Amino acid sequence: MNKSLIQQLQSNLRLRMGLASILVILWGYMLMVMHDAVMVENASYKQVLSQVSRVKGLIHEKSWINRAKNAAATRSLLEAALPAYATFGLAQAGTQEWIHQQLIKASLMQARITMAENSDLGKLPPDIWMIKAKIEMPFQVDSLNKFLANLQTISQPVNIESLHITQSGQQHIDMTLAVYCRKGDSASRREGL
């Protein structure tokens, strides 16, 4: 079998050219794969090098320990200011009631609040909940400005994750808020949320 294959290779020019083409394509593919691997390694090396250079800069800086302590103290104060709830359901209900009160203060009586699923649980400390609420309401400039001003004046951390104003017949607003709460005893929760 091998002798007949060798004889065919010797006698058939197209077979030799086809085999050579296949080998050239495989060799080119191998070069591209090796190039991609080198690029990935270079990117990894650059990332590690930048991290090492940042650490070298921190070694010579003496105030970073104080800044880290100040950041930890500020975080502790912020977390202590968060309202505490015994369960996630109570946290959602309390947050929904608080948002409802803020909407009433802003004269947005026709707003509809829907509590959203929480998908960012892994990104938070284990003793903090992030409650997401979706609000749909008619577009009223003065009331919206008053509602947003109310959100700014409170000590409760609230993120406006999205704000869409759409017009389909009547202008309305779709807004997503993220409100943070502490896990704990609901009897010790602050007034105001």
C-alpha atoms as a PDB file:
ATOM      1  CA  MET A   1       0.000   0.000   0.000  1.00  0.00           C
ATOM      2  CA  ASN A   2       2.799   2.393   0.898  1.00  0.00           C
ATOM      3  CA  LYS A   3       4.667   1.539  -2.322  1.00  0.00           C
ATOM      4  CA  SER A   4       1.609   2.339  -4.450  1.00  0.00           C
ATOM      5  CA  LEU A   5       1.127   5.653  -2.618  1.00  0.00           C
ATOM      6  CA  ILE A   6       4.790   6.534  -3.153  1.00  0.00           C
ATOM      7  CA  GLN A   7       4.522   5.588  -6.840  1.00  0.00           C
ATOM      8  CA  GLN A   8       1.408   7.734  -7.218  1.00  0.00           C
ATOM      9  CA  LEU A   9       3.186  10.678  -5.568  1.00  0.00           C
ATOM     10  CA  GLN A  10       6.143  10.264  -7.925  1.00  0.00           C
ATOM     11  CA  SER A  11       4.014   9.982 -11.043  1.00  0.00           C
ATOM     12  CA  ASN A  12       1.150  12.426 -10.297  1.00  0.00           C
ATOM     13  CA  LEU A  13       2.092  16.121 -10.265  1.00  0.00           C
ATOM     14  CA  ARG A  14      -1.366  17.272  -9.121  1.00  0.00           C
ATOM     15  CA  LEU A  15      -1.233  14.953  -6.114  1.00  0.00           C
ATOM     16  CA  ARG A  16       2.175  16.355  -5.138  1.00  0.00           C
ATOM     17  CA  MET A  17       0.921  19.939  -5.589  1.00  0.00           C
ATOM     18  CA  GLY A  18      -2.235  19.202  -3.562  1.00  0.00           C
ATOM     19  CA  LEU A  19      -0.237  17.613  -0.758  1.00  0.00           C
ATOM     20  CA  ALA A  20       2.202  20.535  -0.798  1.00  0.00           C
ATOM     21  CA  SER A  21      -0.744  22.990  -0.664  1.00  0.00           C
ATOM     22  CA  ILE A  22      -2.217  21.163   2.330  1.00  0.00           C
ATOM     23  CA  LEU A  23       1.140  21.240   4.105  1.00  0.00           C
ATOM     24  CA  VAL A  24       1.538  24.982   3.378  1.00  0.00           C
ATOM     25  CA  ILE A  25      -1.970  25.688   4.722  1.00  0.00           C
ATOM     26  CA  LEU A  26      -1.306  23.637   7.876  1.00  0.00           C
ATOM     27  CA  TRP A  27       2.039  25.377   8.361  1.00  0.00           C
ATOM     28  CA  GLY A  28       0.370  28.815   7.946  1.00  0.00           C
ATOM     29  CA  TYR A  29      -2.369  27.851  10.394  1.00  0.00           C
ATOM     30  CA  MET A  30       0.262  26.693  12.886  1.00  0.00           C
ATOM     31  CA  LEU A  31       2.052  30.046  12.554  1.00  0.00           C
ATOM     32  CA  MET A  32      -1.194  31.951  13.182  1.00  0.00           C
ATOM     33  CA  VAL A  33      -2.001  29.849  16.262  1.00  0.00           C
ATOM     34  CA  MET A  34       1.504  30.414  17.600  1.00  0.00           C
ATOM     35  CA  HIS A  35       1.173  34.164  16.918  1.00  0.00           C
ATOM     36  CA  ASP A  36      -2.141  34.275  18.812  1.00  0.00           C
ATOM     37  CA  ALA A  37      -0.574  32.409  21.736  1.00  0.00           C
ATOM     38  CA  VAL A  38       2.333  34.864  21.794  1.00  0.00           C
ATOM     39  CA  MET A  39      -0.089  37.819  21.743  1.00  0.00           C
ATOM     40  CA  VAL A  40      -2.059  36.371  24.679  1.00  0.00           C
ATOM     41  CA  GLU A  41       1.140  35.808  26.639  1.00  0.00           C
ATOM     42  CA  ASN A  42       2.331  39.349  25.843  1.00  0.00           C
ATOM     43  CA  ALA A  43      -0.965  40.807  27.060  1.00  0.00           C
ATOM     44  CA  SER A  44      -0.734  38.734  30.237  1.00  0.00           C
ATOM     45  CA  TYR A  45       2.862  39.835  30.738  1.00  0.00           C
ATOM     46  CA  LYS A  46       1.945  43.505  30.286  1.00  0.00           C
ATOM     47  CA  GLN A  47      -0.903  43.178  32.781  1.00  0.00           C
ATOM     48  CA  VAL A  48       1.333  41.549  35.398  1.00  0.00           C
ATOM     49  CA  LEU A  49       4.042  44.128  34.711  1.00  0.00           C
ATOM     50  CA  SER A  50       1.604  47.008  35.278  1.00  0.00           C
ATOM     51  CA  GLN A  51       0.405  45.416  38.532  1.00  0.00           C
ATOM     52  CA  VAL A  52       3.992  44.974  39.717  1.00  0.00           C
ATOM     53  CA  SER A  53       4.845  48.576  38.836  1.00  0.00           C
ATOM     54  CA  ARG A  54       1.798  49.799  40.799  1.00  0.00           C
ATOM     55  CA  VAL A  55       2.875  47.741  43.808  1.00  0.00           C
ATOM     56  CA  LYS A  56       6.410  49.136  43.496  1.00  0.00           C
ATOM     57  CA  GLY A  57       4.934  52.629  43.561  1.00  0.00           C
ATOM     58  CA  LEU A  58       2.916  51.803  46.673  1.00  0.00           C
ATOM     59  CA  ILE A  59       5.972  50.446  48.477  1.00  0.00           C
ATOM     60  CA  HIS A  60       7.643  53.846  48.332  1.00  0.00           C
ATOM     61  CA  GLU A  61       4.459  55.664  49.326  1.00  0.00           C
ATOM     62  CA  LYS A  62       4.016  55.878  53.083  1.00  0.00           C
ATOM     63  CA  SER A  63       0.476  57.282  53.265  1.00  0.00           C
ATOM     64  CA  TRP A  64      -1.294  54.350  51.618  1.00  0.00           C
ATOM     65  CA  ILE A  65      -1.847  52.605  54.948  1.00  0.00           C
ATOM     66  CA  ASN A  66      -3.608  55.695  56.307  1.00  0.00           C
ATOM     67  CA  ARG A  67      -5.690  55.978  53.142  1.00  0.00           C
ATOM     68  CA  ALA A  68      -6.678  52.314  53.412  1.00  0.00           C
ATOM     69  CA  LYS A  69      -7.720  52.835  57.046  1.00  0.00           C
ATOM     70  CA  ASN A  70      -9.697  55.956  56.103  1.00  0.00           C
ATOM     71  CA  ALA A  71     -11.425  54.080  53.285  1.00  0.00           C
ATOM     72  CA  ALA A  72     -12.333  51.226  55.642  1.00  0.00           C
ATOM     73  CA  ALA A  73     -13.686  53.691  58.222  1.00  0.00           C
ATOM     74  CA  THR A  74     -15.744  55.494  55.577  1.00  0.00           C
ATOM     75  CA  ARG A  75     -17.096  52.186  54.322  1.00  0.00           C
ATOM     76  CA  SER A  76     -18.046  51.172  57.871  1.00  0.00           C
ATOM     77  CA  LEU A  77     -19.874  54.483  58.391  1.00  0.00           C
ATOM     78  CA  LEU A  78     -21.690  54.114  55.095  1.00  0.00           C
ATOM     79  CA  GLU A  79     -22.713  50.527  55.835  1.00  0.00           C
ATOM     80  CA  ALA A  80     -23.865  51.504  59.338  1.00  0.00           C
ATOM     81  CA  ALA A  81     -26.093  54.199  57.820  1.00  0.00           C
ATOM     82  CA  LEU A  82     -27.876  51.655  55.629  1.00  0.00           C
ATOM     83  CA  PRO A  83     -31.273  50.463  56.855  1.00  0.00           C
ATOM     84  CA  ALA A  84     -31.270  46.923  58.210  1.00  0.00           C
ATOM     85  CA  TYR A  85     -33.800  44.229  57.345  1.00  0.00           C
ATOM     86  CA  ALA A  86     -34.116  40.679  58.625  1.00  0.00           C
ATOM     87  CA  THR A  87     -34.953  39.146  55.229  1.00  0.00           C
ATOM     88  CA  PHE A  88     -34.577  40.020  51.570  1.00  0.00           C
ATOM     89  CA  GLY A  89     -38.371  40.148  51.192  1.00  0.00           C
ATOM     90  CA  LEU A  90     -38.654  42.709  54.000  1.00  0.00           C
ATOM     91  CA  ALA A  91     -35.876  44.715  52.377  1.00  0.00           C
ATOM     92  CA  GLN A  92     -37.776  44.718  49.078  1.00  0.00           C
ATOM     93  CA  ALA A  93     -41.020  45.732  50.793  1.00  0.00           C
ATOM     94  CA  GLY A  94     -39.325  48.501  52.787  1.00  0.00           C
ATOM     95  CA  THR A  95     -37.568  49.793  49.693  1.00  0.00           C
ATOM     96  CA  GLN A  96     -40.783  49.723  47.680  1.00  0.00           C
ATOM     97  CA  GLU A  97     -42.603  51.662  50.415  1.00  0.00           C
ATOM     98  CA  TRP A  98     -39.782  54.206  50.647  1.00  0.00           C
ATOM     99  CA  ILE A  99     -39.761  54.744  46.860  1.00  0.00           C
ATOM    100  CA  HIS A 100     -43.554  55.088  46.943  1.00  0.00           C
ATOM    101  CA  GLN A 101     -43.253  57.814  49.615  1.00  0.00           C
ATOM    102  CA  GLN A 102     -40.647  59.657  47.527  1.00  0.00           C
ATOM    103  CA  LEU A 103     -42.928  59.489  44.480  1.00  0.00           C
ATOM    104  CA  ILE A 104     -45.850  60.879  46.499  1.00  0.00           C
ATOM    105  CA  LYS A 105     -43.641  63.750  47.731  1.00  0.00           C
ATOM    106  CA  ALA A 106     -42.826  64.505  44.084  1.00  0.00           C
ATOM    107  CA  SER A 107     -46.538  64.377  43.080  1.00  0.00           C
ATOM    108  CA  LEU A 108     -46.031  61.329  40.863  1.00  0.00           C
ATOM    109  CA  MET A 109     -49.189  59.473  41.888  1.00  0.00           C
ATOM    110  CA  GLN A 110     -49.515  57.459  38.667  1.00  0.00           C
ATOM    111  CA  ALA A 111     -46.125  55.788  38.984  1.00  0.00           C
ATOM    112  CA  ARG A 112     -45.920  51.996  38.998  1.00  0.00           C
ATOM    113  CA  ILE A 113     -43.134  50.292  40.973  1.00  0.00           C
ATOM    114  CA  THR A 114     -41.935  46.780  40.139  1.00  0.00           C
ATOM    115  CA  MET A 115     -39.266  45.082  42.201  1.00  0.00           C
ATOM    116  CA  ALA A 116     -36.678  43.562  39.862  1.00  0.00           C
ATOM    117  CA  GLU A 117     -34.622  40.399  40.181  1.00  0.00           C
ATOM    118  CA  ASN A 118     -31.244  40.937  41.789  1.00  0.00           C
ATOM    119  CA  SER A 119     -28.439  39.601  39.577  1.00  0.00           C
ATOM    120  CA  ASP A 120     -25.432  41.330  41.206  1.00  0.00           C
ATOM    121  CA  LEU A 121     -25.320  39.336  44.441  1.00  0.00           C
ATOM    122  CA  GLY A 122     -21.745  38.124  43.937  1.00  0.00           C
ATOM    123  CA  LYS A 123     -20.338  41.645  43.614  1.00  0.00           C
ATOM    124  CA  LEU A 124     -21.449  42.852  47.055  1.00  0.00           C
ATOM    125  CA  PRO A 125     -20.180  42.217  50.569  1.00  0.00           C
ATOM    126  CA  PRO A 126     -22.011  39.291  52.197  1.00  0.00           C
ATOM    127  CA  ASP A 127     -23.901  41.551  54.642  1.00  0.00           C
ATOM    128  CA  ILE A 128     -25.286  43.974  52.009  1.00  0.00           C
ATOM    129  CA  TRP A 129     -28.318  43.587  49.762  1.00  0.00           C
ATOM    130  CA  MET A 130     -28.905  45.552  46.593  1.00  0.00           C
ATOM    131  CA  ILE A 131     -32.590  46.000  45.864  1.00  0.00           C
ATOM    132  CA  LYS A 132     -33.505  46.916  42.295  1.00  0.00           C
ATOM    133  CA  ALA A 133     -36.760  48.671  41.503  1.00  0.00           C
ATOM    134  CA  LYS A 134     -38.213  49.522  38.107  1.00  0.00           C
ATOM    135  CA  ILE A 135     -40.429  52.587  37.997  1.00  0.00           C
ATOM    136  CA  GLU A 136     -42.788  53.454  35.162  1.00  0.00           C
ATOM    137  CA  MET A 137     -44.459  56.849  35.276  1.00  0.00           C
ATOM    138  CA  PRO A 138     -45.866  59.537  33.009  1.00  0.00           C
ATOM    139  CA  PHE A 139     -43.376  62.213  31.981  1.00  0.00           C
ATOM    140  CA  GLN A 140     -43.787  65.391  34.038  1.00  0.00           C
ATOM    141  CA  VAL A 141     -40.692  67.579  34.078  1.00  0.00           C
ATOM    142  CA  ASP A 142     -41.292  69.347  37.397  1.00  0.00           C
ATOM    143  CA  SER A 143     -42.282  66.175  39.238  1.00  0.00           C
ATOM    144  CA  LEU A 144     -39.336  64.233  37.808  1.00  0.00           C
ATOM    145  CA  ASN A 145     -36.913  66.976  38.864  1.00  0.00           C
ATOM    146  CA  LYS A 146     -38.437  67.004  42.359  1.00  0.00           C
ATOM    147  CA  PHE A 147     -38.164  63.201  42.600  1.00  0.00           C
ATOM    148  CA  LEU A 148     -34.517  63.241  41.487  1.00  0.00           C
ATOM    149  CA  ALA A 149     -33.765  66.078  43.937  1.00  0.00           C
ATOM    150  CA  ASN A 150     -35.350  64.008  46.737  1.00  0.00           C
ATOM    151  CA  LEU A 151     -33.082  61.094  45.837  1.00  0.00           C
ATOM    152  CA  GLN A 152     -30.009  63.364  46.061  1.00  0.00           C
ATOM    153  CA  THR A 153     -30.819  64.850  49.466  1.00  0.00           C
ATOM    154  CA  ILE A 154     -31.168  61.587  51.377  1.00  0.00           C
ATOM    155  CA  SER A 155     -28.308  59.777  53.051  1.00  0.00           C
ATOM    156  CA  GLN A 156     -29.435  56.433  51.597  1.00  0.00           C
ATOM    157  CA  PRO A 157     -27.190  55.297  48.713  1.00  0.00           C
ATOM    158  CA  VAL A 158     -29.329  55.090  45.584  1.00  0.00           C
ATOM    159  CA  ASN A 159     -28.005  54.481  42.076  1.00  0.00           C
ATOM    160  CA  ILE A 160     -30.046  55.376  39.036  1.00  0.00           C
ATOM    161  CA  GLU A 161     -29.044  52.529  36.754  1.00  0.00           C
ATOM    162  CA  SER A 162     -31.169  53.569  33.801  1.00  0.00           C
ATOM    163  CA  LEU A 163     -33.496  56.400  32.858  1.00  0.00           C
ATOM    164  CA  HIS A 164     -35.390  56.221  29.566  1.00  0.00           C
ATOM    165  CA  ILE A 165     -37.919  58.764  28.363  1.00  0.00           C
ATOM    166  CA  THR A 166     -40.019  57.344  25.556  1.00  0.00           C
ATOM    167  CA  GLN A 167     -42.899  58.627  23.524  1.00  0.00           C
ATOM    168  CA  SER A 168     -45.511  56.216  22.295  1.00  0.00           C
ATOM    169  CA  GLY A 169     -48.607  58.366  22.234  1.00  0.00           C
ATOM    170  CA  GLN A 170     -47.936  59.873  25.668  1.00  0.00           C
ATOM    171  CA  GLN A 171     -44.429  60.462  26.996  1.00  0.00           C
ATOM    172  CA  HIS A 172     -43.465  58.223  29.887  1.00  0.00           C
ATOM    173  CA  ILE A 173     -40.379  57.389  31.914  1.00  0.00           C
ATOM    174  CA  ASP A 174     -38.842  53.996  32.633  1.00  0.00           C
ATOM    175  CA  MET A 175     -36.294  54.145  35.441  1.00  0.00           C
ATOM    176  CA  THR A 176     -34.304  51.493  37.282  1.00  0.00           C
ATOM    177  CA  LEU A 177     -33.029  52.249  40.790  1.00  0.00           C
ATOM    178  CA  ALA A 178     -30.603  50.259  42.917  1.00  0.00           C
ATOM    179  CA  VAL A 179     -31.002  50.780  46.671  1.00  0.00           C
ATOM    180  CA  TYR A 180     -28.634  49.245  49.222  1.00  0.00           C
ATOM    181  CA  CYS A 181     -29.695  47.697  52.543  1.00  0.00           C
ATOM    182  CA  ARG A 182     -27.944  45.887  55.359  1.00  0.00           C
ATOM    183  CA  LYS A 183     -28.744  42.365  56.490  1.00  0.00           C
ATOM    184  CA  GLY A 184     -29.748  42.453  60.105  1.00  0.00           C
ATOM    185  CA  ASP A 185     -32.548  42.995  62.578  1.00  0.00           C
ATOM    186  CA  SER A 186     -35.355  45.091  61.087  1.00  0.00           C
ATOM    187  CA  ALA A 187     -36.208  46.497  64.537  1.00  0.00           C
ATOM    188  CA  SER A 188     -32.943  48.438  64.519  1.00  0.00           C
ATOM    189  CA  ARG A 189     -33.495  49.954  61.085  1.00  0.00           C
ATOM    190  CA  ARG A 190     -33.308  53.702  60.609  1.00  0.00           C
ATOM    191  CA  GLU A 191     -36.318  55.846  59.982  1.00  0.00           C
ATOM    192  CA  GLY A 192     -36.218  57.555  56.637  1.00  0.00           C
ATOM    193  CA  LEU A 193     -36.055  54.627  54.322  1.00  0.00           C
END
